[in-house]
Amino acid sequence: MGNKTTICLVTLKNGFELVGTSACVDAANFDEAIGQKWAKKMAVDKITELEGYKLQCDMEEESEPCTDA
């Protein structure tokens, strides 16, 4: 996307999609392979956050249901 930004779409087995992005300050420094690496890492990091949220909801479910913020 553009000449400084990389976008990565990760689709999980259940069909849920996450987007990761990376960008550089100067287009002269843009490297597609590096951009892909970091954009994918950003998307995968979101999976970790969601798994933590789900785990905490599951742990608290016995006392009260987890609600959306």
Protein backbone atom coordinates (compact mmCIF):
# COMPACT_ATOMS: atom_id res chain seq x y z
CA MET A 1 0.00 0.00 0.00
CA GLY A 2 1.60 3.24 -1.02
CA ASN A 3 5.37 3.30 -1.16
CA LYS A 4 6.16 3.12 2.58
CA THR A 5 3.52 0.84 4.11
CA THR A 6 2.98 -2.92 4.16
CA ILE A 7 -0.30 -4.56 5.18
CA CYS A 8 -0.65 -8.22 6.17
CA LEU A 9 -3.99 -10.01 6.48
CA VAL A 10 -3.94 -13.16 8.63
CA THR A 11 -6.96 -15.45 8.41
CA LEU A 12 -7.37 -17.85 11.32
CA LYS A 13 -8.73 -21.39 10.93
CA ASN A 14 -12.18 -20.25 12.11
CA GLY A 15 -12.29 -17.51 9.45
CA PHE A 16 -11.53 -14.59 11.80
CA GLU A 17 -9.25 -12.05 10.14
CA LEU A 18 -6.56 -9.84 11.67
CA VAL A 19 -4.56 -7.07 10.01
CA GLY A 20 -1.00 -6.09 10.80
CA THR A 21 0.81 -3.11 9.33
CA SER A 22 4.34 -1.76 9.12
CA ALA A 23 5.68 1.44 7.67
CA CYS A 24 8.96 3.27 7.23
CA VAL A 25 9.53 7.02 7.51
CA ASP A 26 11.39 7.45 4.25
CA ALA A 27 10.25 5.69 1.07
CA ALA A 28 13.91 5.37 0.05
CA ASN A 29 14.35 2.93 2.96
CA PHE A 30 11.33 0.76 2.05
CA ASP A 31 12.13 -2.96 1.86
CA GLU A 32 9.16 -5.17 1.01
CA ALA A 33 10.57 -8.28 2.72
CA ILE A 34 11.24 -6.42 5.97
CA GLY A 35 7.79 -4.80 5.77
CA GLN A 36 6.14 -8.19 5.33
CA LYS A 37 8.04 -9.63 8.28
CA TRP A 38 6.99 -6.83 10.66
CA ALA A 39 3.40 -6.57 9.40
CA LYS A 40 2.92 -10.30 9.95
CA LYS A 41 4.45 -10.03 13.44
CA MET A 42 2.03 -7.21 14.29
CA ALA A 43 -0.94 -9.36 13.17
CA VAL A 44 0.29 -12.41 15.10
CA ASP A 45 0.79 -10.25 18.23
CA LYS A 46 -2.91 -9.40 18.04
CA ILE A 47 -3.72 -13.12 18.18
CA THR A 48 -1.79 -13.35 21.45
CA GLU A 49 -3.80 -10.45 22.90
CA LEU A 50 -7.07 -12.06 21.86
CA GLU A 51 -6.05 -15.42 23.32
CA GLY A 52 -5.23 -13.70 26.62
CA TYR A 53 -8.62 -12.01 26.61
CA LYS A 54 -10.37 -15.31 25.92
CA LEU A 55 -8.40 -17.09 28.63
CA GLN A 56 -9.32 -14.47 31.21
CA CYS A 57 -12.99 -14.64 30.18
CA ASP A 58 -12.92 -18.43 30.50
CA MET A 59 -11.34 -18.19 33.96
CA GLU A 60 -13.93 -15.67 35.17
CA GLU A 61 -16.89 -17.37 33.48
CA GLU A 62 -17.52 -19.56 36.50
CA SER A 63 -18.25 -16.53 38.70
CA GLU A 64 -19.80 -14.13 36.16
CA PRO A 65 -20.00 -13.88 32.37
CA CYS A 66 -17.33 -11.85 30.57
CA THR A 67 -18.80 -8.67 29.06
CA ASP A 68 -17.56 -6.57 26.17
CA ALA A 69 -15.94 -3.26 26.99
